């Protein structure tokens, strides 16, 4: 997408333009609210996207290269946010922080990266299948699909948006690997596939069946071609790529799988988040009305679930033309059309029995998240429509997009521009500070996380830390709650607590931090046992008489160490694949 835009010229009677920069220029309009002052703080997860970065940076500055603990959530008790919330978007944002951006500015820059990443992936995938005219339309259609605008400016779902931006790249990597199986392409596929669960857990769960179906599709095509040697190479290098992807993502998915039982997951998949409350009604798929409200039971939602009429018409045209006998990429067209229909039907109330039988349905929370799959498939099919329209006009592929492709891209742009809007507000200092988490939880008390040892959602009276946050005071996390004694001094960092305690006799300390695997205590330099302190599952510590130096530190568990080791092996595997590509030694799979 870097070639200069040429002035329109006449060739064989059609309008022709360079497609790469044309796509880039048309995509840029979608970034207007991101380039304006302020931030869309009233969007659903907008305050999270900033405060999560604040929390993430605290972990990095505390010396954790892969943070797990978020110190300010749950009214200051802390929460293992990065155990369940994929952190890759915040590594990208932290890069911009290193460059000097503020927290909100770094998040906005990450949004821009995600937009351009998705557009370029859609462009390259459509170009691979149908040429540059299709690439132009697919890039613009993927960018302006209404659900993409919902993800940014209504929901501010940074992880989900970035994960969907990776989807064209995942298809592209797998298609390239099966077209020419080789180590370098296996490494590329591994990196892209590993990036999905590291970007957004729910999206990875939702996209996995689609990617698995695409692998079966590629396998069936290879079998049909009858080249046994090529089939063995493709299966072998795909297996190497999948194993490497699993290793790369292990640092996140292994602790997620083995330690998520220590959090109260039920609070995030019930009530407001229960999937049965969030099906889409058929009329909503074509309702052009827009709003910044929330999803609610029934058809009176405050946000849009439309597919986009222009996108649907173009996708239908692409499917109709591409499914004819002898059509270019007929099989790919059929796959995309099936994915689109599957996604649409899966959002409707009639699909509820199927959802009830899915073991991971609760984790998806919102069936309308399948709009992501529909948007991807429709954008690709829209590209196919432009290909066939230009082909019918007699255009040959020569690096330029024809007039029909440019017209289709402009139609999609004009249809999508009304939804490129955000409720911008000035960013205050407190929006970029730890107190932002407390302010949010005071407004939404049901969003306070619990652990396995919590007996209830923490209420304001449970936490003396709230007032300390609001007054901007250093946090005092240690208190004597049983026996006679006093805390002489104390200090806290994002991942540690230390105090000097005078005990006149046996005393019981309460540390206003959630009890969770990874926290370790020492008393006077010797390991000490902490216990869960009800009703909030905080840390309790018993002391004998005397003056004691008490220290608590959050660190890795054996599971997390093992997972980090596996990911280190994954990095080594990527390097090995790239080295193998350079040497091109004759091997069984090469």
Protein backbone atom coordinates (compact mmCIF):
# COMPACT_ATOMS: atom_id res chain seq x y z
CA UNK A 1 0.00 0.00 0.00
CA UNK A 2 2.87 2.36 -0.73
CA UNK A 3 2.66 3.14 -4.46
CA UNK A 4 1.80 6.67 -5.48
CA UNK A 5 -1.76 7.38 -6.54
CA UNK A 6 -1.81 8.08 -10.23
CA UNK A 7 -4.13 10.45 -12.00
CA UNK A 8 -6.93 8.51 -13.66
CA UNK A 9 -6.01 7.46 -17.19
CA UNK A 10 -7.96 5.76 -19.94
CA UNK A 11 -6.93 2.23 -20.84
CA UNK A 12 -9.14 -0.04 -22.91
CA UNK A 13 -12.05 2.23 -22.13
CA UNK A 14 -11.98 1.95 -18.34
CA UNK A 15 -10.92 4.17 -15.46
CA UNK A 16 -7.73 2.85 -13.86
CA UNK A 17 -6.00 3.86 -10.62
CA UNK A 18 -3.19 2.48 -8.51
CA UNK A 19 -4.93 0.37 -5.89
CA UNK A 20 -2.48 0.40 -2.99
CA UNK A 21 -2.37 4.03 -2.02
CA UNK A 22 -5.97 4.48 -3.14
CA UNK A 23 -6.94 1.99 -0.44
CA UNK A 24 -4.77 3.74 2.12
CA UNK A 25 -6.25 7.15 1.36
CA UNK A 26 -9.80 5.85 1.59
CA UNK A 27 -9.05 4.06 4.87
CA UNK A 28 -7.59 7.17 6.51
CA UNK A 29 -10.99 8.82 6.90
CA UNK A 30 -11.94 6.17 9.44
CA UNK A 31 -9.22 7.51 11.74
CA UNK A 32 -10.61 11.04 12.08
CA UNK A 33 -11.84 10.71 15.71
CA UNK A 34 -8.55 9.09 16.68
CA UNK A 35 -6.61 12.06 15.33
CA UNK A 36 -8.81 14.63 17.10
CA UNK A 37 -8.12 15.93 20.62
CA UNK A 38 -9.66 14.03 23.50
CA UNK A 39 -10.85 10.45 23.75
CA UNK A 40 -14.23 8.70 23.54
CA UNK A 41 -14.34 8.10 27.28
CA UNK A 42 -18.07 7.29 27.31
CA UNK A 43 -17.64 4.32 24.97
CA UNK A 44 -18.27 1.01 26.71
CA UNK A 45 -14.69 -0.09 27.45
CA UNK A 46 -12.91 3.18 26.71
CA UNK A 47 -11.95 3.89 30.31
CA UNK A 48 -10.66 0.33 30.57
CA UNK A 49 -8.46 0.73 27.52
CA UNK A 50 -6.63 3.57 29.29
CA UNK A 51 -6.64 2.24 32.86
CA UNK A 52 -5.56 -1.22 31.69
CA UNK A 53 -2.48 0.40 30.20
CA UNK A 54 -1.84 2.24 33.47
CA UNK A 55 -2.06 -1.09 35.31
CA UNK A 56 0.07 -2.89 32.74
CA UNK A 57 2.82 -0.31 32.92
CA UNK A 58 2.89 -0.57 36.70
CA UNK A 59 3.61 -4.27 36.34
CA UNK A 60 6.38 -3.66 33.83
CA UNK A 61 7.97 -0.98 35.99
CA UNK A 62 7.83 -3.34 38.97
CA UNK A 63 10.09 -5.69 37.04
CA UNK A 64 7.63 -8.22 35.61
CA UNK A 65 8.33 -8.66 31.87
CA UNK A 66 4.98 -10.49 31.55
CA UNK A 67 2.69 -8.92 34.18
CA UNK A 68 -0.08 -10.90 35.85
CA UNK A 69 -1.14 -8.79 38.83
CA UNK A 70 -3.14 -5.58 38.49
CA UNK A 71 -2.82 -3.76 41.85
CA UNK A 72 -5.73 -1.32 41.78
CA UNK A 73 -8.74 -3.36 40.71
CA UNK A 74 -11.37 -4.69 43.11
CA UNK A 75 -11.46 -1.49 45.23
CA UNK A 76 -7.68 -1.64 45.52
CA UNK A 77 -7.46 -5.29 46.60
CA UNK A 78 -5.80 -6.17 43.31
CA UNK A 79 -6.77 -8.72 40.69
CA UNK A 80 -4.87 -11.11 38.36
CA UNK A 81 -6.13 -9.23 35.32
CA UNK A 82 -3.42 -10.37 32.94
CA UNK A 83 -4.01 -13.99 33.82
CA UNK A 84 -7.34 -13.83 31.96
CA UNK A 85 -6.99 -10.73 29.78
CA UNK A 86 -4.61 -11.08 26.83
CA UNK A 87 -1.88 -8.42 27.05
CA UNK A 88 -0.50 -8.06 23.51
CA UNK A 89 -2.39 -4.81 22.68
CA UNK A 90 -0.83 -3.22 25.75
CA UNK A 91 2.68 -4.17 24.72
CA UNK A 92 1.98 -2.25 21.51
CA UNK A 93 0.62 0.69 23.50
CA UNK A 94 3.63 0.57 25.81
CA UNK A 95 5.87 0.99 22.76
CA UNK A 96 4.22 4.35 22.17
CA UNK A 97 4.60 5.17 25.85
CA UNK A 98 8.34 4.66 25.46
CA UNK A 99 8.23 7.13 22.57
CA UNK A 100 6.75 9.73 24.92
CA UNK A 101 3.00 9.41 24.31
CA UNK A 102 0.57 9.90 27.17
CA UNK A 103 -1.60 6.96 28.19
CA UNK A 104 -4.60 8.04 26.10
CA UNK A 105 -2.35 8.97 23.19
CA UNK A 106 -0.63 5.59 23.30
CA UNK A 107 -3.99 3.80 23.22
CA UNK A 108 -5.16 5.94 20.30
CA UNK A 109 -1.93 5.14 18.45
CA UNK A 110 -2.60 1.43 19.06
CA UNK A 111 -6.07 1.81 17.55
CA UNK A 112 -4.48 3.36 14.46
CA UNK A 113 -2.01 0.49 14.18
CA UNK A 114 -4.89 -1.97 14.43
CA UNK A 115 -6.92 -0.20 11.72
CA UNK A 116 -3.99 -0.15 9.29
CA UNK A 117 -3.04 -3.72 10.16
CA UNK A 118 -6.55 -4.95 9.38
CA UNK A 119 -6.84 -2.97 6.16
CA UNK A 120 -3.45 -4.12 4.88
CA UNK A 121 -4.22 -7.75 5.75
CA UNK A 122 -7.55 -7.62 3.93
CA UNK A 123 -5.81 -5.95 0.99
CA UNK A 124 -3.09 -8.60 0.71
CA UNK A 125 -5.45 -11.54 1.13
CA UNK A 126 -7.91 -10.29 -1.50
CA UNK A 127 -5.02 -9.44 -3.85
CA UNK A 128 -3.72 -12.98 -3.48
CA UNK A 129 -7.10 -14.41 -4.42
CA UNK A 130 -8.51 -11.94 -6.96
CA UNK A 131 -6.05 -9.17 -7.76
CA UNK A 132 -5.59 -5.50 -6.98
CA UNK A 133 -9.09 -4.25 -7.73
CA UNK A 134 -10.51 -6.77 -5.29
CA UNK A 135 -7.80 -5.79 -2.81
CA UNK A 136 -8.86 -2.14 -2.92
CA UNK A 137 -12.51 -2.96 -2.22
CA UNK A 138 -11.79 -5.58 0.44
CA UNK A 139 -9.51 -3.24 2.39
CA UNK A 140 -12.08 -0.44 2.38
CA UNK A 141 -15.01 -2.80 3.09
CA UNK A 142 -13.19 -4.42 6.01
CA UNK A 143 -12.36 -1.02 7.47
CA UNK A 144 -15.84 0.49 7.16
CA UNK A 145 -17.91 -2.59 7.99
CA UNK A 146 -20.36 -1.19 10.57
CA UNK A 147 -19.29 -3.65 13.24
CA UNK A 148 -15.70 -2.41 12.93
CA UNK A 149 -16.92 1.10 13.71
CA UNK A 150 -18.94 -0.31 16.61
CA UNK A 151 -15.83 -1.99 17.97
CA UNK A 152 -13.86 1.25 17.99
CA UNK A 153 -16.20 4.14 18.66
CA UNK A 154 -19.12 2.50 20.46
CA UNK A 155 -17.53 -0.37 22.39
CA UNK A 156 -13.86 0.70 22.42
CA UNK A 157 -13.01 -3.02 22.53
CA UNK A 158 -9.30 -2.72 21.83
CA UNK A 159 -8.36 -6.39 22.15
CA UNK A 160 -11.30 -7.59 20.05
CA UNK A 161 -10.63 -5.03 17.34
CA UNK A 162 -6.95 -5.96 17.09
CA UNK A 163 -7.77 -9.68 17.05
CA UNK A 164 -10.16 -9.18 14.13
CA UNK A 165 -7.45 -7.15 12.38
CA UNK A 166 -5.26 -10.25 12.60
CA UNK A 167 -7.82 -12.53 10.94
CA UNK A 168 -6.92 -11.69 7.31
CA UNK A 169 -3.27 -12.22 8.21
CA UNK A 170 -4.05 -15.65 9.68
CA UNK A 171 -5.81 -16.70 6.47
CA UNK A 172 -3.01 -15.21 4.40
CA UNK A 173 -0.31 -17.04 6.38
CA UNK A 174 -2.10 -20.39 6.08
CA UNK A 175 -2.84 -19.91 2.37
CA UNK A 176 0.80 -19.04 1.68
CA UNK A 177 2.01 -22.03 3.72
CA UNK A 178 -0.13 -24.48 1.76
CA UNK A 179 0.71 -22.92 -1.59
CA UNK A 180 4.44 -23.35 -0.92
CA UNK A 181 5.20 -25.32 2.27
CA UNK A 182 8.53 -24.22 3.70
CA UNK A 183 10.06 -23.41 7.09
CA UNK A 184 9.84 -19.63 6.81
CA UNK A 185 6.15 -19.78 6.05
CA UNK A 186 5.57 -22.17 8.93
CA UNK A 187 7.29 -19.64 11.21
CA UNK A 188 5.13 -16.80 9.87
CA UNK A 189 1.95 -18.82 10.41
CA UNK A 190 3.07 -19.68 13.94
CA UNK A 191 3.62 -16.04 14.87
CA UNK A 192 0.26 -14.89 13.50
CA UNK A 193 -1.72 -17.76 15.02
CA UNK A 194 -0.04 -17.30 18.40
CA UNK A 195 -0.85 -13.59 18.30
CA UNK A 196 -4.61 -14.28 18.29
CA UNK A 197 -4.92 -15.75 21.83
CA UNK A 198 -2.32 -13.27 23.05
CA UNK A 199 -4.51 -10.44 21.75
CA UNK A 200 -8.01 -11.40 22.87
CA UNK A 201 -9.02 -14.66 24.51
CA UNK A 202 -12.69 -14.71 23.50
CA UNK A 203 -11.92 -13.83 19.89
CA UNK A 204 -9.39 -16.65 19.72
CA UNK A 205 -12.04 -19.07 21.00
CA UNK A 206 -14.54 -17.74 18.46
CA UNK A 207 -12.16 -17.71 15.49
CA UNK A 208 -10.60 -21.13 16.19
CA UNK A 209 -13.42 -23.14 14.50
CA UNK A 210 -13.24 -20.89 11.44
CA UNK A 211 -9.47 -21.32 11.13
CA UNK A 212 -9.78 -25.07 11.73
CA UNK A 213 -12.39 -25.24 8.97
CA UNK A 214 -10.07 -23.33 6.66
CA UNK A 215 -7.25 -25.79 7.36
CA UNK A 216 -9.59 -28.65 6.46
CA UNK A 217 -10.52 -26.73 3.32
CA UNK A 218 -6.83 -26.40 2.37
CA UNK A 219 -6.30 -30.09 3.10
CA UNK A 220 -9.23 -31.08 0.89
CA UNK A 221 -7.91 -28.93 -1.95
CA UNK A 222 -4.47 -30.49 -1.66
CA UNK A 223 -5.92 -34.01 -1.66
CA UNK A 224 -7.96 -33.15 -4.73
CA UNK A 225 -4.82 -32.05 -6.59
CA UNK A 226 -3.36 -35.51 -5.99
CA UNK A 227 0.25 -34.48 -5.35
CA UNK A 228 1.12 -36.79 -2.45
CA UNK A 229 4.57 -35.33 -1.86
CA UNK A 230 3.23 -31.77 -1.71
CA UNK A 231 0.48 -32.91 0.67
CA UNK A 232 3.00 -34.48 3.05
CA UNK A 233 5.13 -31.33 3.02
CA UNK A 234 2.11 -29.09 3.65
CA UNK A 235 0.83 -31.22 6.53
CA UNK A 236 4.30 -31.49 8.03
CA UNK A 237 5.13 -27.79 7.97
CA UNK A 238 1.61 -26.89 9.10
CA UNK A 239 2.04 -29.20 12.06
CA UNK A 240 5.38 -27.55 12.84
CA UNK A 241 3.71 -24.14 12.63
CA UNK A 242 0.82 -25.13 14.90
CA UNK A 243 3.11 -26.65 17.52
CA UNK A 244 5.30 -23.54 17.43
CA UNK A 245 2.23 -21.30 17.75
CA UNK A 246 1.11 -23.26 20.79
CA UNK A 247 4.53 -22.90 22.37
CA UNK A 248 4.65 -19.16 21.69
CA UNK A 249 1.24 -18.61 23.26
CA UNK A 250 1.92 -20.93 26.21
CA UNK A 251 3.03 -18.09 28.48
CA UNK A 252 -0.58 -16.93 28.49
CA UNK A 253 -2.79 -19.91 27.65
CA UNK A 254 -1.20 -22.41 30.08
CA UNK A 255 -1.72 -20.26 33.22
CA UNK A 256 -5.13 -19.27 31.87
CA UNK A 257 -6.11 -22.91 31.57
CA UNK A 258 -4.67 -24.07 34.89
CA UNK A 259 -5.08 -21.06 37.20
CA UNK A 260 -8.31 -19.41 36.09
CA UNK A 261 -10.10 -21.66 38.59
CA UNK A 262 -8.75 -19.34 41.27
CA UNK A 263 -10.93 -16.45 40.09
CA UNK A 264 -14.71 -16.12 40.37
CA UNK A 265 -15.29 -16.50 36.64
CA UNK A 266 -19.04 -16.90 37.06
CA UNK A 267 -19.46 -13.17 37.69
CA UNK A 268 -18.29 -12.44 34.13
CA UNK A 269 -20.57 -14.94 32.36
CA UNK A 270 -23.89 -14.47 34.16
CA UNK A 271 -26.58 -11.81 34.51
CA UNK A 272 -25.65 -8.97 32.13
CA UNK A 273 -23.08 -11.16 30.38
CA UNK A 274 -25.25 -14.26 29.87
CA UNK A 275 -25.26 -15.14 26.17
CA UNK A 276 -29.01 -15.89 25.99
CA UNK A 277 -29.75 -12.20 26.64
CA UNK A 278 -27.84 -10.99 23.57
CA UNK A 279 -29.14 -12.62 20.41
CA UNK A 280 -29.75 -10.43 17.36
CA UNK A 281 -33.14 -10.17 15.71
CA UNK A 282 -33.25 -10.36 11.87
CA UNK A 283 -34.50 -6.80 11.40
CA UNK A 284 -31.52 -5.49 13.37
CA UNK A 285 -29.12 -6.87 10.77
CA UNK A 286 -30.37 -4.24 8.31
CA UNK A 287 -31.41 -1.44 10.65
CA UNK A 288 -29.21 1.59 9.77
CA UNK A 289 -29.89 3.42 13.04
CA UNK A 290 -26.86 4.11 15.20
CA UNK A 291 -26.36 4.56 18.91
CA UNK A 292 -23.77 4.55 21.66
CA UNK A 293 -25.84 2.57 24.16
CA UNK A 294 -25.59 -1.03 25.34
CA UNK A 295 -26.81 -4.46 24.34
CA UNK A 296 -29.96 -5.44 26.23
CA UNK A 297 -32.40 -8.36 26.11
CA UNK A 298 -34.86 -8.05 23.25
CA UNK A 299 -34.65 -5.86 20.17
CA UNK A 300 -34.37 -2.44 21.85
CA UNK A 301 -30.58 -2.35 21.96
CA UNK A 302 -28.77 0.95 22.21
CA UNK A 303 -26.05 -0.12 19.76
CA UNK A 304 -26.13 -1.19 16.14
CA UNK A 305 -25.90 -4.80 14.97
CA UNK A 306 -26.30 -4.06 11.28
CA UNK A 307 -24.30 -5.87 8.62
CA UNK A 308 -24.24 -2.84 6.33
CA UNK A 309 -26.53 -2.81 3.29
CA UNK A 310 -23.82 -1.80 0.81
CA UNK A 311 -21.53 -4.51 2.17
CA UNK A 312 -24.24 -7.19 1.97
CA UNK A 313 -25.18 -6.26 -1.62
CA UNK A 314 -21.56 -6.37 -2.76
CA UNK A 315 -20.91 -9.60 -0.88
CA UNK A 316 -24.00 -11.21 -2.43
CA UNK A 317 -22.83 -10.10 -5.89
CA UNK A 318 -19.37 -11.52 -5.24
CA UNK A 319 -20.82 -14.82 -4.03
CA UNK A 320 -23.20 -15.08 -6.99
CA UNK A 321 -20.47 -14.42 -9.55
CA UNK A 322 -17.81 -16.45 -7.79
CA UNK A 323 -19.90 -19.58 -7.35
CA UNK A 324 -20.51 -20.08 -11.06
CA UNK A 325 -18.89 -23.08 -12.69
CA UNK A 326 -15.31 -22.33 -13.68
CA UNK A 327 -15.11 -19.10 -11.67
CA UNK A 328 -11.75 -17.98 -10.31
CA UNK A 329 -11.32 -19.04 -6.66
CA UNK A 330 -14.72 -20.70 -6.65
CA UNK A 331 -13.82 -22.84 -3.63
CA UNK A 332 -12.66 -19.84 -1.59
CA UNK A 333 -15.87 -18.02 -2.50
CA UNK A 334 -17.95 -20.96 -1.30
CA UNK A 335 -15.99 -21.11 1.96
CA UNK A 336 -16.49 -17.38 2.63
CA UNK A 337 -20.19 -17.53 1.76
CA UNK A 338 -20.66 -20.46 4.14
CA UNK A 339 -18.77 -18.63 6.91
CA UNK A 340 -20.93 -15.55 6.41
CA UNK A 341 -24.18 -17.51 6.57
CA UNK A 342 -23.00 -19.53 9.57
CA UNK A 343 -22.11 -16.34 11.45
CA UNK A 344 -25.42 -14.65 10.66
CA UNK A 345 -27.54 -17.64 11.63
CA UNK A 346 -25.46 -18.14 14.77
CA UNK A 347 -26.43 -14.69 16.05
CA UNK A 348 -30.18 -15.25 15.75
CA UNK A 349 -32.46 -16.52 18.54
CA UNK A 350 -33.13 -19.71 16.56
CA UNK A 351 -29.50 -20.69 17.27
CA UNK A 352 -30.01 -20.73 21.05
CA UNK A 353 -30.23 -24.55 21.29
CA UNK A 354 -26.87 -24.82 19.55
CA UNK A 355 -25.34 -22.31 21.96
CA UNK A 356 -26.71 -24.26 24.91
CA UNK A 357 -24.79 -27.30 23.73
CA UNK A 358 -21.46 -25.51 23.31
CA UNK A 359 -19.07 -25.94 26.26
CA UNK A 360 -17.48 -22.50 25.81
CA UNK A 361 -20.62 -20.54 24.93
CA UNK A 362 -20.61 -18.67 28.24
CA UNK A 363 -17.11 -17.35 27.56
CA UNK A 364 -18.21 -15.72 24.30
CA UNK A 365 -20.89 -13.82 26.29
CA UNK A 366 -22.45 -12.06 23.27
CA UNK A 367 -23.63 -13.99 20.19
CA UNK A 368 -23.47 -10.75 18.21
CA UNK A 369 -19.69 -11.05 18.39
CA UNK A 370 -20.13 -13.29 15.35
CA UNK A 371 -20.56 -10.02 13.45
CA UNK A 372 -16.76 -10.08 13.35
CA UNK A 373 -16.78 -13.25 11.25
CA UNK A 374 -19.56 -11.87 9.06
CA UNK A 375 -17.67 -8.62 8.49
CA UNK A 376 -14.50 -10.44 7.48
CA UNK A 377 -16.28 -12.78 5.08
CA UNK A 378 -18.42 -10.01 3.58
CA UNK A 379 -15.39 -7.78 3.00
CA UNK A 380 -13.58 -10.56 1.12
CA UNK A 381 -16.67 -11.34 -0.96
CA UNK A 382 -17.06 -7.64 -1.74
CA UNK A 383 -13.57 -7.74 -3.18
CA UNK A 384 -14.59 -10.69 -5.32
CA UNK A 385 -17.57 -8.67 -6.61
CA UNK A 386 -15.24 -5.90 -7.78
CA UNK A 387 -13.04 -8.48 -9.50
CA UNK A 388 -15.94 -9.89 -11.46
CA UNK A 389 -17.36 -6.49 -12.34
CA UNK A 390 -14.03 -5.32 -13.71
CA UNK A 391 -13.50 -8.66 -15.45
CA UNK A 392 -16.87 -8.35 -17.17
CA UNK A 393 -15.77 -4.91 -18.41
CA UNK A 394 -12.76 -6.49 -20.07
CA UNK A 395 -10.10 -5.32 -17.66
CA UNK A 396 -6.94 -7.36 -17.25
CA UNK A 397 -4.86 -7.41 -14.08
CA UNK A 398 -1.89 -5.03 -14.53
CA UNK A 399 -1.36 -3.54 -11.06
CA UNK A 400 -4.27 -1.09 -11.25
CA UNK A 401 -7.84 -1.21 -10.04
CA UNK A 402 -10.57 -0.69 -12.59
CA UNK A 403 -13.43 1.76 -12.51
CA UNK A 404 -15.90 -0.69 -11.01
CA UNK A 405 -13.53 -1.47 -8.16
CA UNK A 406 -12.98 2.21 -7.42
CA UNK A 407 -16.73 2.86 -7.58
CA UNK A 408 -17.48 -0.05 -5.23
CA UNK A 409 -14.84 1.18 -2.77
CA UNK A 410 -16.33 4.68 -2.83
CA UNK A 411 -19.83 3.30 -2.26
CA UNK A 412 -18.64 1.40 0.81
CA UNK A 413 -16.80 4.48 2.03
CA UNK A 414 -19.83 6.76 1.64
CA UNK A 415 -22.09 4.18 3.33
CA UNK A 416 -19.67 3.83 6.27
CA UNK A 417 -18.66 7.45 6.84
CA UNK A 418 -21.78 8.40 8.88
CA UNK A 419 -20.68 5.87 11.49
CA UNK A 420 -17.17 7.30 11.82
CA UNK A 421 -18.16 9.32 14.85
CA UNK A 422 -17.29 9.30 18.51
CA UNK A 423 -18.39 11.08 21.66
CA UNK A 424 -15.08 12.80 22.38
CA UNK A 425 -14.27 14.25 25.80
CA UNK A 426 -11.14 15.87 27.28
CA UNK A 427 -8.77 13.47 29.02
CA UNK A 428 -8.17 14.55 32.62
CA UNK A 429 -5.11 13.61 34.69
CA UNK A 430 -7.24 11.34 36.88
CA UNK A 431 -8.29 9.39 33.76
CA UNK A 432 -4.66 8.35 33.30
CA UNK A 433 -3.93 7.43 36.92
CA UNK A 434 -4.63 4.41 39.16
CA UNK A 435 -7.55 6.27 40.75
CA UNK A 436 -9.40 5.88 37.43
CA UNK A 437 -10.03 2.23 38.35
CA UNK A 438 -11.52 3.23 41.69
CA UNK A 439 -13.71 5.90 40.09
CA UNK A 440 -15.00 3.36 37.58
CA UNK A 441 -15.80 0.78 40.25
CA UNK A 442 -17.59 3.36 42.37
CA UNK A 443 -19.81 4.02 39.36
CA UNK A 444 -20.21 0.32 38.45
CA UNK A 445 -20.00 -1.71 41.69
CA UNK A 446 -20.80 -4.98 39.90
CA UNK A 447 -17.49 -4.73 38.01
CA UNK A 448 -15.37 -5.48 41.07
CA UNK A 449 -13.47 -8.73 40.57
CA UNK A 450 -13.54 -11.61 43.04
CA UNK A 451 -11.26 -14.58 43.56
CA UNK A 452 -12.02 -18.16 44.58
CA UNK A 453 -11.64 -17.14 48.24
CA UNK A 454 -14.07 -14.19 48.02
CA UNK A 455 -17.44 -14.68 49.66
CA UNK A 456 -19.02 -11.60 48.09
CA UNK A 457 -18.37 -8.76 45.70
CA UNK A 458 -16.38 -6.22 47.76
CA UNK A 459 -18.46 -3.29 48.98
CA UNK A 460 -17.17 0.17 49.79
CA UNK A 461 -17.04 -0.48 53.52
CA UNK A 462 -14.72 -3.45 52.98
CA UNK A 463 -11.89 -1.28 51.69
CA UNK A 464 -10.21 1.55 53.61
CA UNK A 465 -8.10 1.98 50.47
CA UNK A 466 -10.84 3.80 48.56
CA UNK A 467 -10.49 7.00 50.56
CA UNK A 468 -6.71 6.78 50.31
CA UNK A 469 -6.94 6.57 46.51
CA UNK A 470 -9.39 9.49 46.34
CA UNK A 471 -7.18 11.65 48.59
CA UNK A 472 -4.05 10.71 46.67
CA UNK A 473 -2.34 9.28 49.75
CA UNK A 474 0.24 6.46 49.87
CA UNK A 475 -1.64 3.21 50.30
CA UNK A 476 -1.67 1.56 53.73
CA UNK A 477 -2.35 -2.08 53.05
CA UNK A 478 -1.43 -3.57 56.47
CA UNK A 479 -3.60 -3.43 59.59
CA UNK A 480 -3.75 -5.28 62.90
CA UNK A 481 -7.21 -6.84 63.23
CA UNK A 482 -6.65 -9.25 66.13
CA UNK A 483 -4.58 -9.03 69.32
CA UNK A 484 -2.62 -6.09 70.70
CA UNK A 485 -0.09 -4.40 68.47
CA UNK A 486 0.47 -1.66 65.93
CA UNK A 487 2.00 -1.07 62.53
CA UNK A 488 5.05 1.14 63.00
CA UNK A 489 5.67 1.78 59.29
CA UNK A 490 4.57 0.40 55.95
CA UNK A 491 4.91 0.88 52.21
CA UNK A 492 3.43 -0.74 49.13
CA UNK A 493 4.37 -1.06 45.46
CA UNK A 494 2.27 -2.61 42.66
CA UNK A 495 3.64 -6.07 43.46
CA UNK A 496 4.89 -5.88 47.05
CA UNK A 497 3.96 -4.87 50.60
CA UNK A 498 6.30 -4.32 53.50
CA UNK A 499 5.70 -3.27 57.09
CA UNK A 500 7.32 -3.11 60.49
CA UNK A 501 4.90 -4.41 63.11
CA UNK A 502 5.08 -4.29 66.88
CA UNK A 503 3.14 -7.18 68.44
CA UNK A 504 2.54 -7.09 72.21
CA UNK A 505 1.42 -10.68 71.97
CA UNK A 506 0.05 -12.93 69.22
CA UNK A 507 -1.60 -10.73 66.58
CA UNK A 508 -3.38 -11.24 63.29
CA UNK A 509 -2.58 -8.96 60.36
CA UNK A 510 -4.88 -8.21 57.46
CA UNK A 511 -3.19 -7.24 54.22
CA UNK A 512 -5.65 -5.38 52.02
CA UNK A 513 -4.66 -7.35 48.95
CA UNK A 514 -6.39 -10.40 47.51
CA UNK A 515 -4.95 -13.76 48.48
CA UNK A 516 -3.81 -15.39 45.23
CA UNK A 517 -1.18 -17.90 44.08
CA UNK A 518 2.08 -16.05 43.56
CA UNK A 519 2.00 -13.98 46.74
CA UNK A 520 4.72 -15.03 49.17
CA UNK A 521 5.42 -13.69 52.67
CA UNK A 522 8.47 -13.50 54.86
CA UNK A 523 8.68 -12.46 58.50
CA UNK A 524 12.13 -11.31 59.61
CA UNK A 525 13.54 -12.85 56.45
CA UNK A 526 11.99 -16.29 56.99
CA UNK A 527 9.16 -17.74 54.88
CA UNK A 528 5.77 -17.31 56.52
CA UNK A 529 2.38 -18.77 55.71
CA UNK A 530 -0.40 -16.49 54.58
CA UNK A 531 -4.05 -17.51 54.64
CA UNK A 532 -7.25 -16.28 53.02
CA UNK A 533 -8.99 -13.74 55.23
CA UNK A 534 -12.81 -13.67 54.86
CA UNK A 535 -15.14 -12.32 53.67
CA UNK A 536 -13.17 -10.81 50.77
CA UNK A 537 -10.42 -13.38 50.47
CA UNK A 538 -7.67 -10.96 51.47
CA UNK A 539 -4.33 -12.08 52.92
CA UNK A 540 -4.07 -12.83 56.61
CA UNK A 541 -0.83 -13.34 58.53
CA UNK A 542 -0.31 -14.38 62.17
CA UNK A 543 2.61 -12.98 64.21
CA UNK A 544 4.06 -13.79 67.59
CA UNK A 545 5.07 -11.15 70.12
CA UNK A 546 7.93 -8.86 69.12
CA UNK A 547 8.89 -6.33 66.48
CA UNK A 548 8.83 -7.91 63.04
CA UNK A 549 9.80 -7.03 59.51
CA UNK A 550 6.96 -8.28 57.29
CA UNK A 551 7.35 -8.49 53.50
CA UNK A 552 5.03 -9.82 50.83
CA UNK A 553 6.03 -10.15 47.18
CA UNK A 554 4.07 -11.24 44.11
CA UNK A 555 5.96 -13.52 41.75
CA UNK A 556 5.61 -16.42 39.35
CA UNK A 557 4.16 -19.77 40.28
CA UNK A 558 5.59 -23.09 39.00
CA UNK A 559 2.85 -23.11 36.35
CA UNK A 560 3.81 -19.65 35.12
CA UNK A 561 7.52 -20.50 35.10
CA UNK A 562 6.84 -23.64 33.06
CA UNK A 563 4.66 -21.66 30.65
CA UNK A 564 7.37 -19.03 30.19
CA UNK A 565 9.87 -21.80 29.47
CA UNK A 566 7.57 -23.26 26.82
CA UNK A 567 7.26 -19.86 25.14
CA UNK A 568 11.03 -19.51 25.18
CA UNK A 569 11.13 -22.84 23.33
CA UNK A 570 8.60 -21.38 20.89
CA UNK A 571 10.86 -18.41 20.17
CA UNK A 572 13.76 -20.82 19.67
CA UNK A 573 11.58 -22.84 17.28
CA UNK A 574 10.81 -19.75 15.19
CA UNK A 575 14.52 -18.94 14.98
CA UNK A 576 15.27 -22.56 14.05
CA UNK A 577 12.69 -22.48 11.26
CA UNK A 578 14.16 -19.29 9.86
CA UNK A 579 17.69 -20.70 10.03
CA UNK A 580 16.50 -23.89 8.35
CA UNK A 581 14.98 -21.79 5.57
CA UNK A 582 18.33 -20.12 4.95
CA UNK A 583 20.26 -23.37 4.83
CA UNK A 584 17.61 -25.26 2.84
CA UNK A 585 19.08 -28.61 3.86
CA UNK A 586 17.40 -31.64 2.32
CA UNK A 587 15.13 -33.02 5.03
CA UNK A 588 12.06 -35.20 5.13
CA UNK A 589 9.75 -32.17 5.21
CA UNK A 590 11.74 -29.79 2.99
